Amino acid sequence: MKDLITIGKIVKQIGLGGRLKAVSYLASGETITRQQSVFIGHDVSSAVSYRITGITIKGKTILLSLEGIETVEASANLKGRYLFLPRNALDPLEEDEYFWEDIIGLEVVNEDGEKLGVITSIIATGSNDVYVCEGPGGETLLPAVEGFIKKIDIHGGIVVASLPREL
């Protein structure tokens, strides 16, 4: 299951027939409309496959009907869980684009090579992502923009970041 990529999060149920509303993390909602099934879980290790019986995309919103999820009670149990697709079902990334799963766990160093910590999570803010780095000095929030993130080396396991100088 390591090849599953998070593509969204279920935020609520819609109506009485078990329909779900999810926020999409995908650049294009078209990707999920080509799928016959989706994995749902609290994380990759708990993800279970569900057959898609209906789907509507409205911007960053996914309205989803699933086989076996046809009541308010069944859909309520999925609220707060994540949507996953296999990596090979997703469109190829552009240069300098990365999946969150590939960035979480990378070591963060500054431009002098000093270890700052490890990326433990990512916050989607709308304009840009923010990397949460946990290290000896506590938590550091790193905007995922060119001025702060100088290099991402997935294979080398590091992110080189430039932190603002203290005033």
N, C-alpha and C. Protein backbone atom coordinates (compact mmCIF):
# COMPACT_ATOMS: atom_id res chain seq x y z
N MET A 1 0.82 -1.20 0.00
CA MET A 1 0.00 0.00 0.00
C MET A 1 0.86 1.27 0.00
N LYS A 2 2.17 1.16 0.01
CA LYS A 2 3.05 2.31 0.03
C LYS A 2 2.88 3.16 -1.22
N ASP A 3 2.34 2.60 -2.29
CA ASP A 3 2.19 3.37 -3.52
C ASP A 3 0.91 4.19 -3.57
N LEU A 4 0.18 4.32 -2.44
CA LEU A 4 -1.03 5.13 -2.41
C LEU A 4 -0.67 6.58 -2.11
N ILE A 5 -1.33 7.49 -2.82
CA ILE A 5 -1.10 8.92 -2.66
C ILE A 5 -2.40 9.57 -2.19
N THR A 6 -2.30 10.44 -1.19
CA THR A 6 -3.46 11.16 -0.67
C THR A 6 -3.95 12.15 -1.72
N ILE A 7 -5.23 12.07 -2.05
CA ILE A 7 -5.78 12.98 -3.06
C ILE A 7 -6.89 13.88 -2.53
N GLY A 8 -7.30 13.67 -1.27
CA GLY A 8 -8.36 14.50 -0.72
C GLY A 8 -8.79 14.03 0.66
N LYS A 9 -9.75 14.76 1.21
CA LYS A 9 -10.27 14.43 2.54
C LYS A 9 -11.78 14.60 2.55
N ILE A 10 -12.47 13.61 3.12
CA ILE A 10 -13.93 13.65 3.23
C ILE A 10 -14.29 14.62 4.35
N VAL A 11 -15.14 15.61 4.02
CA VAL A 11 -15.50 16.62 5.00
C VAL A 11 -16.91 16.46 5.55
N LYS A 12 -17.81 15.86 4.76
CA LYS A 12 -19.17 15.63 5.29
C LYS A 12 -19.97 14.73 4.36
N GLN A 13 -21.12 14.33 4.85
CA GLN A 13 -22.06 13.55 4.05
C GLN A 13 -23.07 14.52 3.44
N ILE A 14 -23.65 14.09 2.32
CA ILE A 14 -24.63 14.92 1.62
C ILE A 14 -25.89 14.10 1.44
N GLY A 15 -26.99 14.58 1.94
CA GLY A 15 -28.28 13.92 1.75
C GLY A 15 -28.41 12.60 2.51
N LEU A 16 -29.45 11.87 2.15
CA LEU A 16 -29.78 10.64 2.87
C LEU A 16 -29.24 9.38 2.20
N GLY A 17 -28.74 9.49 0.98
CA GLY A 17 -28.32 8.32 0.22
C GLY A 17 -26.85 7.93 0.38
N GLY A 18 -26.16 8.53 1.34
CA GLY A 18 -24.78 8.13 1.58
C GLY A 18 -23.74 8.86 0.75
N ARG A 19 -24.16 9.89 0.03
CA ARG A 19 -23.22 10.65 -0.80
C ARG A 19 -22.24 11.42 0.08
N LEU A 20 -21.00 11.54 -0.39
CA LEU A 20 -19.94 12.18 0.38
C LEU A 20 -19.42 13.43 -0.32
N LYS A 21 -19.01 14.40 0.50
CA LYS A 21 -18.35 15.59 -0.02
C LYS A 21 -16.91 15.56 0.47
N ALA A 22 -15.96 15.73 -0.47
CA ALA A 22 -14.55 15.72 -0.12
C ALA A 22 -13.86 16.94 -0.72
N VAL A 23 -12.82 17.39 -0.05
CA VAL A 23 -11.96 18.45 -0.58
C VAL A 23 -10.85 17.76 -1.36
N SER A 24 -10.64 18.20 -2.59
CA SER A 24 -9.63 17.59 -3.46
C SER A 24 -8.28 18.26 -3.27
N TYR A 25 -7.21 17.45 -3.24
CA TYR A 25 -5.84 17.95 -3.23
C TYR A 25 -5.24 17.88 -4.63
N LEU A 26 -6.01 17.41 -5.59
CA LEU A 26 -5.52 17.23 -6.96
C LEU A 26 -5.51 18.55 -7.72
N ALA A 27 -4.55 18.70 -8.62
CA ALA A 27 -4.51 19.87 -9.49
C ALA A 27 -5.70 19.84 -10.44
N SER A 28 -6.09 18.65 -10.88
CA SER A 28 -7.22 18.49 -11.80
C SER A 28 -8.14 17.38 -11.28
N GLY A 29 -9.41 17.71 -11.14
CA GLY A 29 -10.39 16.73 -10.69
C GLY A 29 -10.64 15.63 -11.70
N GLU A 30 -10.21 15.84 -12.93
CA GLU A 30 -10.41 14.87 -13.99
C GLU A 30 -9.75 13.52 -13.65
N THR A 31 -8.67 13.57 -12.90
CA THR A 31 -7.93 12.35 -12.55
C THR A 31 -8.84 11.33 -11.87
N ILE A 32 -9.60 11.76 -10.88
CA ILE A 32 -10.44 10.81 -10.15
C ILE A 32 -11.64 10.36 -10.97
N THR A 33 -12.08 11.17 -11.92
CA THR A 33 -13.24 10.77 -12.73
C THR A 33 -12.91 9.59 -13.65
N ARG A 34 -11.63 9.32 -13.86
CA ARG A 34 -11.22 8.19 -14.71
C ARG A 34 -11.09 6.89 -13.90
N GLN A 35 -11.29 6.97 -12.59
CA GLN A 35 -11.08 5.80 -11.73
C GLN A 35 -12.38 5.04 -11.49
N GLN A 36 -12.24 3.73 -11.30
CA GLN A 36 -13.39 2.89 -10.96
C GLN A 36 -13.53 2.71 -9.46
N SER A 37 -12.41 2.94 -8.75
CA SER A 37 -12.45 2.79 -7.29
C SER A 37 -11.50 3.79 -6.65
N VAL A 38 -11.68 3.97 -5.35
CA VAL A 38 -10.86 4.87 -4.56
C VAL A 38 -10.60 4.20 -3.21
N PHE A 39 -9.45 4.46 -2.62
CA PHE A 39 -9.14 3.94 -1.29
C PHE A 39 -9.48 5.02 -0.27
N ILE A 40 -10.04 4.59 0.87
CA ILE A 40 -10.42 5.52 1.94
C ILE A 40 -9.92 4.97 3.26
N GLY A 41 -9.33 5.88 4.07
CA GLY A 41 -8.86 5.48 5.39
C GLY A 41 -8.32 6.66 6.17
N HIS A 42 -7.99 6.40 7.44
CA HIS A 42 -7.36 7.43 8.28
C HIS A 42 -5.93 7.68 7.82
N ASP A 43 -5.32 6.64 7.25
CA ASP A 43 -3.96 6.71 6.71
C ASP A 43 -3.81 5.59 5.69
N VAL A 44 -2.64 5.50 5.08
CA VAL A 44 -2.41 4.50 4.02
C VAL A 44 -2.60 3.08 4.55
N SER A 45 -2.13 2.83 5.77
CA SER A 45 -2.18 1.46 6.29
C SER A 45 -3.60 0.99 6.58
N SER A 46 -4.54 1.92 6.80
CA SER A 46 -5.92 1.52 7.09
C SER A 46 -6.84 1.67 5.88
N ALA A 47 -6.30 2.07 4.73
CA ALA A 47 -7.13 2.37 3.56
C ALA A 47 -7.80 1.11 2.99
N VAL A 48 -9.08 1.27 2.65
CA VAL A 48 -9.89 0.20 2.08
C VAL A 48 -10.43 0.68 0.74
N SER A 49 -10.49 -0.21 -0.23
CA SER A 49 -10.96 0.14 -1.56
C SER A 49 -12.49 0.14 -1.62
N TYR A 50 -13.04 1.18 -2.27
CA TYR A 50 -14.47 1.29 -2.50
C TYR A 50 -14.69 1.53 -3.99
N ARG A 51 -15.70 0.87 -4.55
CA ARG A 51 -16.05 1.08 -5.95
C ARG A 51 -16.85 2.36 -6.08
N ILE A 52 -16.48 3.22 -7.02
CA ILE A 52 -17.16 4.49 -7.25
C ILE A 52 -18.39 4.23 -8.12
N THR A 53 -19.57 4.67 -7.64
CA THR A 53 -20.81 4.51 -8.41
C THR A 53 -21.30 5.83 -8.99
N GLY A 54 -20.75 6.94 -8.48
CA GLY A 54 -21.13 8.26 -9.01
C GLY A 54 -20.13 9.30 -8.53
N ILE A 55 -19.83 10.25 -9.41
CA ILE A 55 -18.86 11.29 -9.04
C ILE A 55 -19.16 12.58 -9.78
N THR A 56 -19.05 13.69 -9.05
CA THR A 56 -19.19 15.03 -9.63
C THR A 56 -18.05 15.88 -9.08
N ILE A 57 -17.43 16.64 -9.96
CA ILE A 57 -16.34 17.53 -9.56
C ILE A 57 -16.82 18.96 -9.73
N LYS A 58 -16.65 19.77 -8.68
CA LYS A 58 -16.97 21.20 -8.72
C LYS A 58 -15.79 21.94 -8.12
N GLY A 59 -14.86 22.38 -8.97
CA GLY A 59 -13.65 23.04 -8.48
C GLY A 59 -12.82 22.09 -7.64
N LYS A 60 -12.61 22.44 -6.39
CA LYS A 60 -11.83 21.60 -5.48
C LYS A 60 -12.73 20.68 -4.63
N THR A 61 -14.00 20.56 -5.02
CA THR A 61 -14.94 19.71 -4.30
C THR A 61 -15.22 18.46 -5.11
N ILE A 62 -15.21 17.31 -4.42
CA ILE A 62 -15.57 16.03 -5.02
C ILE A 62 -16.84 15.55 -4.35
N LEU A 63 -17.88 15.31 -5.12
CA LEU A 63 -19.10 14.69 -4.61
C LEU A 63 -19.07 13.24 -5.07
N LEU A 64 -19.15 12.32 -4.12
CA LEU A 64 -18.83 10.93 -4.39
C LEU A 64 -19.89 9.99 -3.85
N SER A 65 -20.32 9.04 -4.69
CA SER A 65 -21.18 7.95 -4.27
C SER A 65 -20.38 6.66 -4.39
N LEU A 66 -20.49 5.80 -3.37
CA LEU A 66 -19.70 4.57 -3.32
C LEU A 66 -20.58 3.36 -3.11
N GLU A 67 -20.19 2.25 -3.73
CA GLU A 67 -20.90 1.00 -3.54
C GLU A 67 -20.81 0.59 -2.07
N GLY A 68 -21.94 0.25 -1.47
CA GLY A 68 -21.96 -0.19 -0.08
C GLY A 68 -22.10 0.94 0.93
N ILE A 69 -22.00 2.17 0.47
CA ILE A 69 -22.18 3.34 1.34
C ILE A 69 -23.43 4.06 0.84
N GLU A 70 -24.58 3.61 1.37
CA GLU A 70 -25.85 4.10 0.83
C GLU A 70 -26.79 4.65 1.89
N THR A 71 -26.27 4.85 3.11
CA THR A 71 -27.09 5.42 4.18
C THR A 71 -26.33 6.55 4.87
N VAL A 72 -27.07 7.36 5.60
CA VAL A 72 -26.47 8.45 6.37
C VAL A 72 -25.46 7.89 7.36
N GLU A 73 -25.82 6.80 8.01
CA GLU A 73 -24.94 6.20 9.02
C GLU A 73 -23.62 5.71 8.41
N ALA A 74 -23.73 5.05 7.27
CA ALA A 74 -22.53 4.52 6.62
C ALA A 74 -21.61 5.66 6.16
N SER A 75 -22.19 6.71 5.61
CA SER A 75 -21.37 7.83 5.14
C SER A 75 -20.80 8.63 6.30
N ALA A 76 -21.54 8.73 7.40
CA ALA A 76 -21.05 9.48 8.57
C ALA A 76 -19.78 8.84 9.12
N ASN A 77 -19.66 7.53 9.01
CA ASN A 77 -18.47 6.83 9.51
C ASN A 77 -17.21 7.16 8.72
N LEU A 78 -17.36 7.72 7.51
CA LEU A 78 -16.20 8.03 6.67
C LEU A 78 -15.76 9.48 6.79
N LYS A 79 -16.52 10.31 7.48
CA LYS A 79 -16.16 11.73 7.64
C LYS A 79 -14.79 11.85 8.32
N GLY A 80 -13.94 12.71 7.76
CA GLY A 80 -12.61 12.93 8.32
C GLY A 80 -11.54 12.00 7.78
N ARG A 81 -11.95 11.01 7.00
CA ARG A 81 -10.97 10.09 6.42
C ARG A 81 -10.44 10.65 5.10
N TYR A 82 -9.32 10.10 4.67
CA TYR A 82 -8.65 10.57 3.46
C TYR A 82 -8.96 9.68 2.27
N LEU A 83 -8.90 10.29 1.09
CA LEU A 83 -9.03 9.57 -0.18
C LEU A 83 -7.63 9.32 -0.73
N PHE A 84 -7.40 8.12 -1.24
CA PHE A 84 -6.11 7.74 -1.80
C PHE A 84 -6.32 7.10 -3.17
N LEU A 85 -5.34 7.30 -4.05
CA LEU A 85 -5.28 6.59 -5.32
C LEU A 85 -3.88 6.01 -5.46
N PRO A 86 -3.75 4.92 -6.22
CA PRO A 86 -2.41 4.40 -6.49
C PRO A 86 -1.60 5.43 -7.27
N ARG A 87 -0.32 5.51 -6.98
CA ARG A 87 0.58 6.47 -7.62
C ARG A 87 0.49 6.37 -9.15
N ASN A 88 0.40 5.13 -9.66
CA ASN A 88 0.39 4.96 -11.12
C ASN A 88 -0.93 5.39 -11.77
N ALA A 89 -1.96 5.72 -10.98
CA ALA A 89 -3.22 6.21 -11.52
C ALA A 89 -3.22 7.73 -11.69
N LEU A 90 -2.20 8.38 -11.15
CA LEU A 90 -2.14 9.84 -11.19
C LEU A 90 -1.36 10.33 -12.40
N ASP A 91 -1.69 11.53 -12.82
CA ASP A 91 -0.97 12.15 -13.93
C ASP A 91 0.49 12.37 -13.52
N PRO A 92 1.41 12.28 -14.47
CA PRO A 92 2.83 12.53 -14.15
C PRO A 92 3.02 13.95 -13.63
N LEU A 93 3.94 14.10 -12.69
CA LEU A 93 4.23 15.42 -12.13
C LEU A 93 5.15 16.21 -13.04
N GLU A 94 5.01 17.51 -12.97
CA GLU A 94 5.91 18.41 -13.67
C GLU A 94 7.23 18.47 -12.88
N GLU A 95 8.26 19.01 -13.51
CA GLU A 95 9.53 19.19 -12.82
C GLU A 95 9.29 20.10 -11.62
N ASP A 96 9.94 19.80 -10.52
CA ASP A 96 9.81 20.55 -9.27
C ASP A 96 8.42 20.43 -8.63
N GLU A 97 7.66 19.39 -8.97
CA GLU A 97 6.43 19.05 -8.27
C GLU A 97 6.64 17.74 -7.54
N TYR A 98 6.00 17.62 -6.36
CA TYR A 98 6.21 16.44 -5.53
C TYR A 98 4.91 16.04 -4.87
N PHE A 99 4.76 14.75 -4.59
CA PHE A 99 3.64 14.29 -3.79
C PHE A 99 3.97 14.52 -2.32
N TRP A 100 2.94 14.86 -1.54
CA TRP A 100 3.15 15.09 -0.11
C TRP A 100 3.83 13.89 0.55
N GLU A 101 3.38 12.69 0.18
CA GLU A 101 3.95 11.48 0.79
C GLU A 101 5.45 11.37 0.57
N ASP A 102 5.96 11.97 -0.50
CA ASP A 102 7.39 11.92 -0.78
C ASP A 102 8.17 12.97 0.03
N ILE A 103 7.49 14.02 0.46
CA ILE A 103 8.15 15.10 1.20
C ILE A 103 8.13 14.84 2.70
N ILE A 104 7.01 14.30 3.21
CA ILE A 104 6.92 14.01 4.64
C ILE A 104 7.98 12.97 5.00
N GLY A 105 8.75 13.28 6.03
CA GLY A 105 9.82 12.39 6.48
C GLY A 105 11.20 12.83 6.01
N LEU A 106 11.26 13.81 5.11
CA LEU A 106 12.57 14.29 4.65
C LEU A 106 13.23 15.13 5.75
N GLU A 107 14.55 15.04 5.81
CA GLU A 107 15.32 15.84 6.76
C GLU A 107 15.47 17.26 6.20
N VAL A 108 15.36 18.25 7.06
CA VAL A 108 15.51 19.64 6.66
C VAL A 108 16.84 20.16 7.18
N VAL A 109 17.61 20.77 6.28
CA VAL A 109 18.88 21.41 6.65
C VAL A 109 18.86 22.84 6.13
N ASN A 110 19.67 23.70 6.79
CA ASN A 110 19.77 25.06 6.26
C ASN A 110 20.85 25.10 5.20
N GLU A 111 21.11 26.26 4.66
CA GLU A 111 22.07 26.37 3.56
C GLU A 111 23.50 26.07 3.98
N ASP A 112 23.77 26.08 5.29
CA ASP A 112 25.10 25.73 5.81
C ASP A 112 25.20 24.24 6.13
N GLY A 113 24.10 23.48 5.90
CA GLY A 113 24.10 22.05 6.18
C GLY A 113 23.70 21.69 7.60
N GLU A 114 23.33 22.67 8.41
CA GLU A 114 22.92 22.44 9.80
C GLU A 114 21.54 21.79 9.82
N LYS A 115 21.40 20.71 10.56
CA LYS A 115 20.12 19.99 10.63
C LYS A 115 19.10 20.78 11.44
N LEU A 116 17.93 20.95 10.85
CA LEU A 116 16.86 21.70 11.49
C LEU A 116 15.75 20.79 12.01
N GLY A 117 15.62 19.61 11.42
CA GLY A 117 14.57 18.69 11.83
C GLY A 117 14.07 17.86 10.67
N VAL A 118 12.83 17.38 10.80
CA VAL A 118 12.21 16.50 9.82
C VAL A 118 10.82 17.04 9.50
N ILE A 119 10.43 16.97 8.23
CA ILE A 119 9.08 17.38 7.86
C ILE A 119 8.10 16.31 8.33
N THR A 120 7.17 16.73 9.20
CA THR A 120 6.23 15.78 9.79
C THR A 120 4.84 15.86 9.18
N SER A 121 4.52 17.02 8.59
CA SER A 121 3.21 17.17 7.95
C SER A 121 3.26 18.37 7.02
N ILE A 122 2.19 18.54 6.26
CA ILE A 122 2.08 19.65 5.32
C ILE A 122 0.70 20.27 5.48
N ILE A 123 0.68 21.60 5.52
CA ILE A 123 -0.57 22.33 5.64
C ILE A 123 -0.87 22.97 4.28
N ALA A 124 -2.05 22.70 3.75
CA ALA A 124 -2.48 23.33 2.50
C ALA A 124 -3.16 24.64 2.86
N THR A 125 -2.61 25.76 2.42
CA THR A 125 -3.18 27.07 2.78
C THR A 125 -4.00 27.68 1.66
N GLY A 126 -3.94 27.12 0.48
CA GLY A 126 -4.65 27.69 -0.66
C GLY A 126 -3.68 28.36 -1.61
N SER A 127 -2.86 29.28 -1.10
CA SER A 127 -1.90 29.96 -1.97
C SER A 127 -0.63 29.14 -2.13
N ASN A 128 -0.16 28.53 -1.06
CA ASN A 128 1.01 27.65 -1.10
C ASN A 128 0.96 26.70 0.09
N ASP A 129 1.65 25.59 -0.03
CA ASP A 129 1.73 24.66 1.08
C ASP A 129 2.70 25.20 2.12
N VAL A 130 2.55 24.71 3.35
CA VAL A 130 3.48 25.03 4.42
C VAL A 130 3.98 23.71 5.01
N TYR A 131 5.30 23.54 5.04
CA TYR A 131 5.90 22.32 5.59
C TYR A 131 6.10 22.50 7.09
N VAL A 132 5.65 21.52 7.86
CA VAL A 132 5.84 21.53 9.31
C VAL A 132 7.09 20.73 9.61
N CYS A 133 8.11 21.42 10.15
CA CYS A 133 9.40 20.81 10.46
C CYS A 133 9.54 20.69 11.97
N GLU A 134 9.71 19.47 12.46
CA GLU A 134 9.91 19.22 13.89
C GLU A 134 11.38 18.95 14.13
N GLY A 135 11.97 19.71 15.04
CA GLY A 135 13.39 19.54 15.32
C GLY A 135 13.72 19.86 16.76
N PRO A 136 15.00 19.89 17.09
CA PRO A 136 15.43 20.16 18.47
C PRO A 136 14.94 21.51 18.98
N GLY A 137 14.78 22.48 18.07
CA GLY A 137 14.31 23.81 18.47
C GLY A 137 12.81 23.93 18.49
N GLY A 138 12.10 22.83 18.32
CA GLY A 138 10.63 22.84 18.29
C GLY A 138 10.10 22.77 16.88
N GLU A 139 8.93 23.33 16.69
CA GLU A 139 8.26 23.29 15.39
C GLU A 139 8.60 24.55 14.59
N THR A 140 8.95 24.35 13.32
CA THR A 140 9.20 25.46 12.41
C THR A 140 8.27 25.29 11.21
N LEU A 141 7.58 26.36 10.84
CA LEU A 141 6.71 26.34 9.68
C LEU A 141 7.46 26.95 8.51
N LEU A 142 7.57 26.18 7.43
CA LEU A 142 8.32 26.61 6.25
C LEU A 142 7.39 26.77 5.06
N PRO A 143 7.15 28.01 4.61
CA PRO A 143 6.34 28.19 3.41
C PRO A 143 7.02 27.48 2.23
N ALA A 144 6.26 26.72 1.48
CA ALA A 144 6.81 25.97 0.35
C ALA A 144 6.87 26.88 -0.88
N VAL A 145 7.71 27.91 -0.78
CA VAL A 145 7.91 28.86 -1.87
C VAL A 145 9.40 29.00 -2.11
N GLU A 146 9.72 29.48 -3.28
CA GLU A 146 11.11 29.55 -3.72
C GLU A 146 12.04 30.28 -2.74
N GLY A 147 11.59 31.34 -2.10
CA GLY A 147 12.44 32.10 -1.18
C GLY A 147 12.87 31.32 0.05
N PHE A 148 12.05 30.36 0.48
CA PHE A 148 12.36 29.58 1.67
C PHE A 148 12.92 28.20 1.34
N ILE A 149 12.32 27.53 0.37
CA ILE A 149 12.76 26.18 0.01
C ILE A 149 13.73 26.30 -1.17
N LYS A 150 14.98 26.00 -0.92
CA LYS A 150 16.02 26.16 -1.93
C LYS A 150 16.19 24.90 -2.78
N LYS A 151 15.97 23.72 -2.16
CA LYS A 151 16.17 22.48 -2.90
C LYS A 151 15.40 21.36 -2.21
N ILE A 152 14.81 20.49 -3.02
CA ILE A 152 14.19 19.26 -2.51
C ILE A 152 14.87 18.11 -3.23
N ASP A 153 15.47 17.22 -2.44
CA ASP A 153 16.15 16.05 -3.00
C ASP A 153 15.49 14.81 -2.42
N ILE A 154 14.48 14.32 -3.13
CA ILE A 154 13.72 13.16 -2.66
C ILE A 154 14.63 11.95 -2.47
N HIS A 155 15.49 11.67 -3.45
CA HIS A 155 16.36 10.50 -3.38
C HIS A 155 17.42 10.65 -2.29
N GLY A 156 17.91 11.86 -2.07
CA GLY A 156 18.89 12.11 -1.02
C GLY A 156 18.25 12.26 0.35
N GLY A 157 16.93 12.43 0.38
CA GLY A 157 16.20 12.50 1.65
C GLY A 157 16.31 13.83 2.36
N ILE A 158 16.58 14.94 1.63
CA ILE A 158 16.72 16.23 2.32
C ILE A 158 15.98 17.36 1.61
N VAL A 159 15.68 18.36 2.42
CA VAL A 159 15.15 19.63 1.94
C VAL A 159 16.12 20.69 2.45
N VAL A 160 16.59 21.54 1.56
CA VAL A 160 17.44 22.66 1.96
C VAL A 160 16.54 23.88 2.07
N ALA A 161 16.51 24.50 3.25
CA ALA A 161 15.64 25.63 3.51
C ALA A 161 16.44 26.84 3.95
N SER A 162 15.96 28.00 3.60
CA SER A 162 16.55 29.26 4.03
C SER A 162 15.58 29.89 5.02
N LEU A 163 16.02 30.04 6.25
CA LEU A 163 15.16 30.62 7.27
C LEU A 163 15.39 32.12 7.34
N PRO A 164 14.33 32.88 7.65
CA PRO A 164 14.54 34.32 7.79
C PRO A 164 15.45 34.63 8.97
N ARG A 165 16.26 35.64 8.83
CA ARG A 165 17.12 36.07 9.92
C ARG A 165 16.29 36.72 10.99
N GLU A 166 16.65 36.46 12.24
CA GLU A 166 15.92 37.08 13.36
C GLU A 166 16.20 38.57 13.39
N LEU A 167 15.20 39.33 13.77
CA LEU A 167 15.35 40.78 13.85
C LEU A 167 15.98 41.20 15.15
